[in-house]
Amino acid sequence: MAGVKTYTRCMERVVNKAKSFAEADAWDRKQQHRMSPQERVRVSRVLQKRVFGSTKDIRACQKTS
Protein backbone atom coordinates (compact mmCIF):
# COMPACT_ATOMS: atom_id res chain seq x y z
CA MET A 1 0.00 0.00 0.00
CA ALA A 2 1.60 3.23 -1.11
CA GLY A 3 1.79 6.01 1.44
CA VAL A 4 0.93 3.85 4.44
CA LYS A 5 3.42 3.94 7.31
CA THR A 6 4.15 0.79 9.22
CA TYR A 7 5.85 0.70 12.59
CA THR A 8 8.22 -2.02 13.67
CA ARG A 9 8.05 -1.10 17.35
CA CYS A 10 4.87 -2.00 19.14
CA MET A 11 3.30 -0.51 22.22
CA GLU A 12 1.02 -2.48 24.43
CA ARG A 13 -2.54 -1.37 23.75
CA VAL A 14 -4.60 -0.82 26.86
CA VAL A 15 -8.32 -0.16 26.69
CA ASN A 16 -10.55 1.20 29.42
CA LYS A 17 -14.29 1.82 29.08
CA ALA A 18 -15.39 4.49 31.51
CA LYS A 19 -18.94 5.37 32.47
CA SER A 20 -18.20 9.09 32.80
CA PHE A 21 -15.61 11.69 31.87
CA ALA A 22 -14.57 11.96 35.52
CA GLU A 23 -13.99 8.20 35.71
CA ALA A 24 -11.98 8.28 32.47
CA ASP A 25 -9.87 11.19 33.75
CA ALA A 26 -9.21 9.38 37.04
CA TRP A 27 -8.13 6.25 35.14
CA ASP A 28 -5.76 8.28 32.93
CA ARG A 29 -4.16 9.92 35.97
CA LYS A 30 -3.80 6.57 37.75
CA GLN A 31 -2.15 5.04 34.68
CA GLN A 32 0.32 7.93 34.41
CA HIS A 33 1.22 7.68 38.11
CA ARG A 34 1.99 3.97 37.72
CA MET A 35 4.56 4.69 35.00
CA SER A 36 8.13 5.52 35.95
CA PRO A 37 9.64 8.77 34.66
CA GLN A 38 11.83 6.71 32.31
CA GLU A 39 8.76 4.96 30.87
CA ARG A 40 7.04 8.31 30.28
CA VAL A 41 10.09 9.69 28.46
CA ARG A 42 10.41 6.52 26.36
CA VAL A 43 6.74 6.60 25.37
CA SER A 44 6.83 10.31 24.53
CA ARG A 45 9.89 9.80 22.31
CA VAL A 46 8.26 6.87 20.47
CA LEU A 47 5.12 8.95 19.86
CA GLN A 48 7.20 11.96 18.81
CA LYS A 49 9.05 9.83 16.28
CA ARG A 50 5.77 8.42 14.92
CA VAL A 51 4.27 11.87 14.42
CA PHE A 52 7.29 13.94 13.32
CA GLY A 53 9.69 11.31 12.00
CA SER A 54 13.33 11.27 13.02
CA THR A 55 13.86 14.99 13.53
CA LYS A 56 16.25 16.47 16.06
CA ASP A 57 14.76 17.38 19.43
CA ILE A 58 14.77 21.15 19.99
CA ARG A 59 16.19 20.65 23.49
CA ALA A 60 19.20 18.84 22.01
CA CYS A 61 19.79 21.76 19.64
CA GLN A 62 19.90 24.29 22.47
CA LYS A 63 22.39 22.47 24.71
CA THR A 64 25.56 24.48 25.15
CA SER A 65 27.79 21.75 26.58
C-alpha atoms as a PDB file:
ATOM      1  CA  MET A   1       0.000   0.000   0.000  1.00  0.00           C
ATOM      2  CA  ALA A   2       1.597   3.231  -1.107  1.00  0.00           C
ATOM      3  CA  GLY A   3       1.786   6.013   1.442  1.00  0.00           C
ATOM      4  CA  VAL A   4       0.933   3.848   4.441  1.00  0.00           C
ATOM      5  CA  LYS A   5       3.416   3.939   7.306  1.00  0.00           C
ATOM      6  CA  THR A   6       4.146   0.791   9.223  1.00  0.00           C
ATOM      7  CA  TYR A   7       5.851   0.696  12.595  1.00  0.00           C
ATOM      8  CA  THR A   8       8.224  -2.015  13.673  1.00  0.00           C
ATOM      9  CA  ARG A   9       8.049  -1.096  17.352  1.00  0.00           C
ATOM     10  CA  CYS A  10       4.873  -2.001  19.145  1.00  0.00           C
ATOM     11  CA  MET A  11       3.296  -0.507  22.221  1.00  0.00           C
ATOM     12  CA  GLU A  12       1.018  -2.481  24.431  1.00  0.00           C
ATOM     13  CA  ARG A  13      -2.538  -1.365  23.748  1.00  0.00           C
ATOM     14  CA  VAL A  14      -4.602  -0.824  26.863  1.00  0.00           C
ATOM     15  CA  VAL A  15      -8.321  -0.156  26.692  1.00  0.00           C
ATOM     16  CA  ASN A  16     -10.553   1.197  29.422  1.00  0.00           C
ATOM     17  CA  LYS A  17     -14.287   1.815  29.080  1.00  0.00           C
ATOM     18  CA  ALA A  18     -15.386   4.487  31.508  1.00  0.00           C
ATOM     19  CA  LYS A  19     -18.937   5.370  32.474  1.00  0.00           C
ATOM     20  CA  SER A  20     -18.199   9.095  32.802  1.00  0.00           C
ATOM     21  CA  PHE A  21     -15.609  11.692  31.869  1.00  0.00           C
ATOM     22  CA  ALA A  22     -14.572  11.957  35.516  1.00  0.00           C
ATOM     23  CA  GLU A  23     -13.986   8.203  35.710  1.00  0.00           C
ATOM     24  CA  ALA A  24     -11.977   8.283  32.469  1.00  0.00           C
ATOM     25  CA  ASP A  25      -9.869  11.190  33.754  1.00  0.00           C
ATOM     26  CA  ALA A  26      -9.206   9.376  37.045  1.00  0.00           C
ATOM     27  CA  TRP A  27      -8.130   6.249  35.144  1.00  0.00           C
ATOM     28  CA  ASP A  28      -5.756   8.282  32.934  1.00  0.00           C
ATOM     29  CA  ARG A  29      -4.161   9.917  35.972  1.00  0.00           C
ATOM     30  CA  LYS A  30      -3.797   6.567  37.753  1.00  0.00           C
ATOM     31  CA  GLN A  31      -2.153   5.043  34.680  1.00  0.00           C
ATOM     32  CA  GLN A  32       0.316   7.928  34.413  1.00  0.00           C
ATOM     33  CA  HIS A  33       1.218   7.684  38.110  1.00  0.00           C
ATOM     34  CA  ARG A  34       1.995   3.969  37.717  1.00  0.00           C
ATOM     35  CA  MET A  35       4.556   4.694  34.999  1.00  0.00           C
ATOM     36  CA  SER A  36       8.129   5.519  35.954  1.00  0.00           C
ATOM     37  CA  PRO A  37       9.644   8.766  34.657  1.00  0.00           C
ATOM     38  CA  GLN A  38      11.832   6.710  32.314  1.00  0.00           C
ATOM     39  CA  GLU A  39       8.764   4.961  30.875  1.00  0.00           C
ATOM     40  CA  ARG A  40       7.036   8.309  30.275  1.00  0.00           C
ATOM     41  CA  VAL A  41      10.090   9.687  28.464  1.00  0.00           C
ATOM     42  CA  ARG A  42      10.410   6.524  26.358  1.00  0.00           C
ATOM     43  CA  VAL A  43       6.736   6.598  25.369  1.00  0.00           C
ATOM     44  CA  SER A  44       6.830  10.309  24.529  1.00  0.00           C
ATOM     45  CA  ARG A  45       9.887   9.800  22.307  1.00  0.00           C
ATOM     46  CA  VAL A  46       8.261   6.874  20.468  1.00  0.00           C
ATOM     47  CA  LEU A  47       5.118   8.949  19.859  1.00  0.00           C
ATOM     48  CA  GLN A  48       7.197  11.962  18.807  1.00  0.00           C
ATOM     49  CA  LYS A  49       9.053   9.830  16.280  1.00  0.00           C
ATOM     50  CA  ARG A  50       5.774   8.423  14.916  1.00  0.00           C
ATOM     51  CA  VAL A  51       4.272  11.870  14.422  1.00  0.00           C
ATOM     52  CA  PHE A  52       7.285  13.941  13.321  1.00  0.00           C
ATOM     53  CA  GLY A  53       9.686  11.314  11.999  1.00  0.00           C
ATOM     54  CA  SER A  54      13.326  11.273  13.021  1.00  0.00           C
ATOM     55  CA  THR A  55      13.858  14.991  13.528  1.00  0.00           C
ATOM     56  CA  LYS A  56      16.254  16.467  16.057  1.00  0.00           C
ATOM     57  CA  ASP A  57      14.763  17.380  19.427  1.00  0.00           C
ATOM     58  CA  ILE A  58      14.774  21.147  19.988  1.00  0.00           C
ATOM     59  CA  ARG A  59      16.187  20.650  23.494  1.00  0.00           C
ATOM     60  CA  ALA A  60      19.195  18.836  22.011  1.00  0.00           C
ATOM     61  CA  CYS A  61      19.793  21.764  19.636  1.00  0.00           C
ATOM     62  CA  GLN A  62      19.902  24.288  22.474  1.00  0.00           C
ATOM     63  CA  LYS A  63      22.386  22.467  24.710  1.00  0.00           C
ATOM     64  CA  THR A  64      25.560  24.478  25.147  1.00  0.00           C
ATOM     65  CA  SER A  65      27.790  21.754  26.580  1.00  0.00           C
END
